C-alpha atoms as a PDB file:
ATOM      1  CA  UNK A   1     113.187 -48.944 -25.274  1.00  0.00           C
ATOM      2  CA  UNK A   2     114.530 -45.491 -25.635  1.00  0.00           C
ATOM      3  CA  UNK A   3     111.996 -43.069 -25.985  1.00  0.00           C
ATOM      4  CA  UNK A   4     113.195 -39.653 -28.200  1.00  0.00           C
ATOM      5  CA  UNK A   5     110.821 -36.243 -27.844  1.00  0.00           C
ATOM      6  CA  UNK A   6     111.413 -34.302 -30.713  1.00  0.00           C
ATOM      7  CA  UNK A   7     110.167 -30.534 -31.446  1.00  0.00           C
ATOM      8  CA  UNK A   8     111.138 -27.484 -32.623  1.00  0.00           C
ATOM      9  CA  UNK A   9     109.836 -24.420 -33.755  1.00  0.00           C
ATOM     10  CA  UNK A  10     107.024 -23.423 -36.424  1.00  0.00           C
ATOM     11  CA  UNK A  11     109.199 -24.134 -40.236  1.00  0.00           C
ATOM     12  CA  UNK A  12     112.049 -25.076 -38.368  1.00  0.00           C
ATOM     13  CA  UNK A  13     112.591 -28.311 -40.339  1.00  0.00           C
ATOM     14  CA  UNK A  14     110.838 -30.680 -38.128  1.00  0.00           C
ATOM     15  CA  UNK A  15     109.420 -32.973 -40.453  1.00  0.00           C
ATOM     16  CA  UNK A  16     113.148 -32.987 -42.785  1.00  0.00           C
ATOM     17  CA  UNK A  17     114.431 -34.918 -39.098  1.00  0.00           C
ATOM     18  CA  UNK A  18     111.441 -36.624 -38.980  1.00  0.00           C
ATOM     19  CA  UNK A  19     111.938 -38.117 -42.476  1.00  0.00           C
ATOM     20  CA  UNK A  20     115.500 -39.162 -41.209  1.00  0.00           C
ATOM     21  CA  UNK A  21     114.050 -41.682 -38.028  1.00  0.00           C
ATOM     22  CA  UNK A  22     111.879 -42.989 -40.396  1.00  0.00           C
ATOM     23  CA  UNK A  23     114.271 -43.480 -43.154  1.00  0.00           C
ATOM     24  CA  UNK A  24     116.369 -45.426 -40.368  1.00  0.00           C
ATOM     25  CA  UNK A  25     112.998 -47.817 -39.329  1.00  0.00           C
ATOM     26  CA  UNK A  26     112.719 -45.744 -36.823  1.00  0.00           C
ATOM     27  CA  UNK A  27     108.941 -45.558 -35.322  1.00  0.00           C
ATOM     28  CA  UNK A  28     107.223 -42.459 -35.078  1.00  0.00           C
ATOM     29  CA  UNK A  29     104.450 -40.748 -33.366  1.00  0.00           C
ATOM     30  CA  UNK A  30     102.839 -37.871 -34.464  1.00  0.00           C
ATOM     31  CA  UNK A  31     100.915 -35.532 -32.066  1.00  0.00           C
ATOM     32  CA  UNK A  32     100.007 -33.346 -34.918  1.00  0.00           C
ATOM     33  CA  UNK A  33      98.219 -35.568 -37.151  1.00  0.00           C
ATOM     34  CA  UNK A  34      96.537 -37.338 -33.563  1.00  0.00           C
ATOM     35  CA  UNK A  35      95.459 -34.238 -33.115  1.00  0.00           C
ATOM     36  CA  UNK A  36      94.059 -33.777 -37.031  1.00  0.00           C
ATOM     37  CA  UNK A  37      92.215 -36.189 -36.810  1.00  0.00           C
ATOM     38  CA  UNK A  38      90.667 -36.144 -33.494  1.00  0.00           C
ATOM     39  CA  UNK A  39      88.666 -32.782 -35.154  1.00  0.00           C
ATOM     40  CA  UNK A  40      87.502 -35.066 -37.816  1.00  0.00           C
ATOM     41  CA  UNK A  41      83.364 -34.754 -38.931  1.00  0.00           C
ATOM     42  CA  UNK A  42      81.874 -36.549 -36.280  1.00  0.00           C
ATOM     43  CA  UNK A  43      84.548 -37.082 -32.989  1.00  0.00           C
ATOM     44  CA  UNK A  44      83.981 -36.400 -29.598  1.00  0.00           C
ATOM     45  CA  UNK A  45      86.413 -33.986 -29.979  1.00  0.00           C
ATOM     46  CA  UNK A  46      84.686 -32.394 -33.348  1.00  0.00           C
ATOM     47  CA  UNK A  47      81.228 -31.414 -31.654  1.00  0.00           C
ATOM     48  CA  UNK A  48      83.502 -30.069 -28.690  1.00  0.00           C
ATOM     49  CA  UNK A  49      85.394 -27.495 -30.346  1.00  0.00           C
ATOM     50  CA  UNK A  50      81.740 -26.651 -32.581  1.00  0.00           C
ATOM     51  CA  UNK A  51      80.513 -26.049 -29.077  1.00  0.00           C
ATOM     52  CA  UNK A  52      82.796 -23.146 -28.324  1.00  0.00           C
ATOM     53  CA  UNK A  53      84.087 -22.026 -31.610  1.00  0.00           C
ATOM     54  CA  UNK A  54      80.335 -22.044 -33.398  1.00  0.00           C
ATOM     55  CA  UNK A  55      79.719 -23.059 -36.608  1.00  0.00           C
ATOM     56  CA  UNK A  56      81.737 -20.136 -37.993  1.00  0.00           C
ATOM     57  CA  UNK A  57      84.488 -22.309 -38.221  1.00  0.00           C
ATOM     58  CA  UNK A  58      82.659 -24.899 -40.311  1.00  0.00           C
ATOM     59  CA  UNK A  59      83.492 -25.337 -44.510  1.00  0.00           C
ATOM     60  CA  UNK A  60      79.561 -26.192 -46.552  1.00  0.00           C
ATOM     61  CA  UNK A  61      80.589 -29.681 -46.511  1.00  0.00           C
ATOM     62  CA  UNK A  62      80.563 -29.380 -42.450  1.00  0.00           C
ATOM     63  CA  UNK A  63      84.225 -29.977 -42.030  1.00  0.00           C
ATOM     64  CA  UNK A  64      86.257 -27.803 -39.540  1.00  0.00           C
ATOM     65  CA  UNK A  65      87.968 -24.881 -41.391  1.00  0.00           C
ATOM     66  CA  UNK A  66      91.293 -25.679 -40.330  1.00  0.00           C
ATOM     67  CA  UNK A  67      93.050 -22.302 -41.680  1.00  0.00           C
ATOM     68  CA  UNK A  68      90.266 -20.155 -40.665  1.00  0.00           C
ATOM     69  CA  UNK A  69      90.263 -21.967 -36.855  1.00  0.00           C
ATOM     70  CA  UNK A  70      94.458 -21.730 -36.708  1.00  0.00           C
ATOM     71  CA  UNK A  71      93.159 -17.782 -37.462  1.00  0.00           C
ATOM     72  CA  UNK A  72      91.530 -17.801 -34.610  1.00  0.00           C
ATOM     73  CA  UNK A  73      93.746 -19.415 -31.896  1.00  0.00           C
ATOM     74  CA  UNK A  74      96.199 -17.616 -33.373  1.00  0.00           C
ATOM     75  CA  UNK A  75      95.282 -14.021 -32.875  1.00  0.00           C
ATOM     76  CA  UNK A  76      93.746 -15.365 -29.722  1.00  0.00           C
ATOM     77  CA  UNK A  77      95.869 -16.681 -26.635  1.00  0.00           C
ATOM     78  CA  UNK A  78      93.014 -17.818 -24.502  1.00  0.00           C
ATOM     79  CA  UNK A  79      91.120 -19.814 -27.668  1.00  0.00           C
ATOM     80  CA  UNK A  80      94.210 -21.041 -27.923  1.00  0.00           C
ATOM     81  CA  UNK A  81      94.231 -21.914 -24.454  1.00  0.00           C
ATOM     82  CA  UNK A  82      90.434 -23.908 -24.763  1.00  0.00           C
ATOM     83  CA  UNK A  83      91.642 -25.973 -27.887  1.00  0.00           C
ATOM     84  CA  UNK A  84      94.671 -27.167 -26.083  1.00  0.00           C
ATOM     85  CA  UNK A  85      92.226 -28.226 -22.999  1.00  0.00           C
ATOM     86  CA  UNK A  86      89.606 -30.006 -25.524  1.00  0.00           C
ATOM     87  CA  UNK A  87      92.584 -31.837 -27.680  1.00  0.00           C
ATOM     88  CA  UNK A  88      95.421 -32.131 -25.328  1.00  0.00           C
ATOM     89  CA  UNK A  89      94.150 -34.749 -23.168  1.00  0.00           C
ATOM     90  CA  UNK A  90      92.780 -37.205 -25.659  1.00  0.00           C
ATOM     91  CA  UNK A  91      96.256 -36.632 -27.707  1.00  0.00           C
ATOM     92  CA  UNK A  92      97.926 -38.182 -24.707  1.00  0.00           C
ATOM     93  CA  UNK A  93      95.825 -41.515 -24.266  1.00  0.00           C
ATOM     94  CA  UNK A  94      96.684 -41.952 -27.734  1.00  0.00           C
ATOM     95  CA  UNK A  95     100.029 -41.520 -27.509  1.00  0.00           C
ATOM     96  CA  UNK A  96     100.338 -43.721 -24.859  1.00  0.00           C
ATOM     97  CA  UNK A  97      98.197 -46.321 -26.506  1.00  0.00           C
ATOM     98  CA  UNK A  98     100.611 -46.319 -29.043  1.00  0.00           C
ATOM     99  CA  UNK A  99     103.952 -46.212 -26.979  1.00  0.00           C
ATOM    100  CA  UNK A 100     102.016 -49.259 -25.609  1.00  0.00           C
ATOM    101  CA  UNK A 101     101.611 -50.979 -28.674  1.00  0.00           C
ATOM    102  CA  UNK A 102     105.339 -50.561 -29.995  1.00  0.00           C
ATOM    103  CA  UNK A 103     106.035 -52.321 -26.758  1.00  0.00           C
ATOM    104  CA  UNK A 104     104.435 -55.471 -27.202  1.00  0.00           C
ATOM    105  CA  UNK A 105     106.036 -55.429 -30.593  1.00  0.00           C
ATOM    106  CA  UNK A 106     109.988 -55.097 -29.333  1.00  0.00           C
ATOM    107  CA  UNK A 107     110.736 -51.526 -30.597  1.00  0.00           C
ATOM    108  CA  UNK A 108     114.080 -50.624 -29.265  1.00  0.00           C
ATOM    109  CA  UNK A 109     113.555 -46.823 -30.159  1.00  0.00           C
ATOM    110  CA  UNK A 110     110.485 -44.356 -30.899  1.00  0.00           C
ATOM    111  CA  UNK A 111     109.936 -40.727 -31.294  1.00  0.00           C
ATOM    112  CA  UNK A 112     107.008 -38.628 -30.116  1.00  0.00           C
ATOM    113  CA  UNK A 113     106.831 -35.613 -32.896  1.00  0.00           C
ATOM    114  CA  UNK A 114     105.190 -33.064 -30.233  1.00  0.00           C
ATOM    115  CA  UNK A 115     105.562 -29.103 -31.464  1.00  0.00           C
ATOM    116  CA  UNK A 116     104.798 -28.202 -27.745  1.00  0.00           C
ATOM    117  CA  UNK A 117     106.718 -30.644 -26.156  1.00  0.00           C
ATOM    118  CA  UNK A 118     107.676 -28.683 -22.852  1.00  0.00           C
ATOM    119  CA  UNK A 119     104.651 -26.109 -23.549  1.00  0.00           C
ATOM    120  CA  UNK A 120     102.760 -29.410 -22.797  1.00  0.00           C
ATOM    121  CA  UNK A 121     105.038 -31.700 -20.604  1.00  0.00           C
ATOM    122  CA  UNK A 122     105.502 -34.446 -23.037  1.00  0.00           C
ATOM    123  CA  UNK A 123     109.654 -34.267 -21.420  1.00  0.00           C
ATOM    124  CA  UNK A 124     108.424 -36.200 -18.276  1.00  0.00           C
ATOM    125  CA  UNK A 125     107.071 -39.094 -20.941  1.00  0.00           C
ATOM    126  CA  UNK A 126     110.357 -39.090 -22.912  1.00  0.00           C
ATOM    127  CA  UNK A 127     113.910 -40.641 -21.670  1.00  0.00           C
ATOM    128  CA  UNK A 128     115.890 -37.747 -24.551  1.00  0.00           C
ATOM    129  CA  UNK A 129     114.491 -34.581 -26.205  1.00  0.00           C
ATOM    130  CA  UNK A 130     115.299 -33.525 -29.523  1.00  0.00           C
ATOM    131  CA  UNK A 131     115.315 -30.047 -30.992  1.00  0.00           C
ATOM    132  CA  UNK A 132     115.867 -28.908 -34.523  1.00  0.00           C
ATOM    133  CA  UNK A 133     116.456 -26.010 -34.400  1.00  0.00           C
ATOM    134  CA  UNK A 134     117.046 -23.128 -37.565  1.00  0.00           C
ATOM    135  CA  UNK A 135     117.568 -19.047 -36.851  1.00  0.00           C
ATOM    136  CA  UNK A 136     114.892 -16.973 -36.018  1.00  0.00           C
ATOM    137  CA  UNK A 137     115.256 -14.643 -39.596  1.00  0.00           C
ATOM    138  CA  UNK A 138     115.119 -18.597 -41.644  1.00  0.00           C
ATOM    139  CA  UNK A 139     112.186 -20.349 -39.929  1.00  0.00           C
ATOM    140  CA  UNK A 140     110.320 -17.133 -40.599  1.00  0.00           C
ATOM    141  CA  UNK A 141     111.222 -16.407 -44.225  1.00  0.00           C
ATOM    142  CA  UNK A 142     110.270 -20.484 -44.515  1.00  0.00           C
ATOM    143  CA  UNK A 143     106.973 -20.570 -43.226  1.00  0.00           C
ATOM    144  CA  UNK A 144     106.261 -16.841 -45.195  1.00  0.00           C
ATOM    145  CA  UNK A 145     106.876 -19.184 -47.731  1.00  0.00           C
ATOM    146  CA  UNK A 146     105.830 -22.494 -46.996  1.00  0.00           C
ATOM    147  CA  UNK A 147     102.267 -21.291 -46.232  1.00  0.00           C
ATOM    148  CA  UNK A 148     101.955 -18.237 -48.481  1.00  0.00           C
ATOM    149  CA  UNK A 149     101.184 -16.199 -45.222  1.00  0.00           C
ATOM    150  CA  UNK A 150     101.829 -11.798 -44.687  1.00  0.00           C
ATOM    151  CA  UNK A 151     105.108 -11.886 -42.630  1.00  0.00           C
ATOM    152  CA  UNK A 152     102.488  -9.953 -39.921  1.00  0.00           C
ATOM    153  CA  UNK A 153     100.459 -13.420 -39.520  1.00  0.00           C
ATOM    154  CA  UNK A 154     103.612 -14.723 -39.763  1.00  0.00           C
ATOM    155  CA  UNK A 155     105.425 -13.707 -36.753  1.00  0.00           C
ATOM    156  CA  UNK A 156     101.680 -14.341 -34.415  1.00  0.00           C
ATOM    157  CA  UNK A 157     102.815 -17.717 -35.522  1.00  0.00           C
ATOM    158  CA  UNK A 158     106.149 -18.101 -34.507  1.00  0.00           C
ATOM    159  CA  UNK A 159     105.351 -15.957 -31.251  1.00  0.00           C
ATOM    160  CA  UNK A 160     102.572 -18.091 -30.191  1.00  0.00           C
ATOM    161  CA  UNK A 161     104.706 -20.575 -29.000  1.00  0.00           C
ATOM    162  CA  UNK A 162     108.395 -21.008 -27.010  1.00  0.00           C
ATOM    163  CA  UNK A 163     111.051 -19.189 -28.419  1.00  0.00           C
ATOM    164  CA  UNK A 164     113.060 -21.547 -30.049  1.00  0.00           C
ATOM    165  CA  UNK A 165     116.183 -20.153 -28.191  1.00  0.00           C
ATOM    166  CA  UNK A 166     114.542 -21.527 -25.111  1.00  0.00           C
ATOM    167  CA  UNK A 167     114.347 -24.290 -26.297  1.00  0.00           C
ATOM    168  CA  UNK A 168     117.644 -25.002 -27.001  1.00  0.00           C
ATOM    169  CA  UNK A 169     118.099 -24.323 -23.315  1.00  0.00           C
ATOM    170  CA  UNK A 170     116.560 -27.069 -22.525  1.00  0.00           C
ATOM    171  CA  UNK A 171     116.798 -29.745 -24.917  1.00  0.00           C
ATOM    172  CA  UNK A 172     119.244 -33.005 -24.648  1.00  0.00           C
ATOM    173  CA  UNK A 173     120.354 -32.482 -28.153  1.00  0.00           C
ATOM    174  CA  UNK A 174     120.289 -29.629 -31.043  1.00  0.00           C
ATOM    175  CA  UNK A 175     119.544 -30.440 -34.616  1.00  0.00           C
ATOM    176  CA  UNK A 176     120.700 -27.394 -36.771  1.00  0.00           C
ATOM    177  CA  UNK A 177     118.457 -26.929 -39.739  1.00  0.00           C
ATOM    178  CA  UNK A 178     119.895 -23.600 -40.345  1.00  0.00           C
ATOM    179  CA  UNK A 179     121.905 -24.626 -42.920  1.00  0.00           C
ATOM    180  CA  UNK A 180     122.715 -27.457 -45.757  1.00  0.00           C
ATOM    181  CA  UNK A 181     120.590 -30.978 -45.294  1.00  0.00           C
ATOM    182  CA  UNK A 182     123.724 -32.540 -44.697  1.00  0.00           C
ATOM    183  CA  UNK A 183     124.633 -30.721 -41.893  1.00  0.00           C
ATOM    184  CA  UNK A 184     121.255 -31.351 -41.080  1.00  0.00           C
ATOM    185  CA  UNK A 185     121.799 -35.459 -41.380  1.00  0.00           C
ATOM    186  CA  UNK A 186     125.209 -35.284 -39.739  1.00  0.00           C
ATOM    187  CA  UNK A 187     124.148 -33.866 -36.403  1.00  0.00           C
ATOM    188  CA  UNK A 188     120.724 -36.091 -36.894  1.00  0.00           C
ATOM    189  CA  UNK A 189     123.807 -39.500 -37.025  1.00  0.00           C
ATOM    190  CA  UNK A 190     125.779 -37.859 -34.209  1.00  0.00           C
ATOM    191  CA  UNK A 191     122.447 -38.102 -31.916  1.00  0.00           C
ATOM    192  CA  UNK A 192     122.083 -41.360 -33.666  1.00  0.00           C
ATOM    193  CA  UNK A 193     125.389 -42.879 -32.545  1.00  0.00           C
ATOM    194  CA  UNK A 194     125.381 -41.553 -28.972  1.00  0.00           C
ATOM    195  CA  UNK A 195     122.050 -42.775 -28.368  1.00  0.00           C
ATOM    196  CA  UNK A 196     123.603 -46.106 -30.093  1.00  0.00           C
ATOM    197  CA  UNK A 197     120.781 -46.388 -31.791  1.00  0.00           C
END
């Protein structure tokens, strides 16, 4: 079984590539989704996060206000580190459980979608890494438009991650998503061919 690690920067187009894999019938383990579920009301991580960040980050229904939490962690590296400390080990445990299940189902290839792949050493867990790249200008433009946020906040979010240019140098494969969807798909297909998927 081949395990591929898929990463990119915020608003680089990773979701588009994830969809390509799903359309090919290749299972994708989404670490963002796992992390989101970990913070659902009443979970162990939810309680730890409230304990650290206080109930100031709660909505009236006691769910975590993810936008508010986002603003806190993107403007404060120490608090971002603490949130990662709470969530990452549990995310990794769930990823390993999902890999084990897919192995039992004889999956030939699986993809782990990890925004912070290199930052959290997931490259040690996978056989090959794929980075979805886009130009810094496109990334900024897409993020402002997608999240309806200011340029200042968009830059803060982008700067909280390892620069895409650096991730490209660490990757086994790069999918350039700066141009048309057809170009992105062509890069994707080349990788599948190279990996004999």
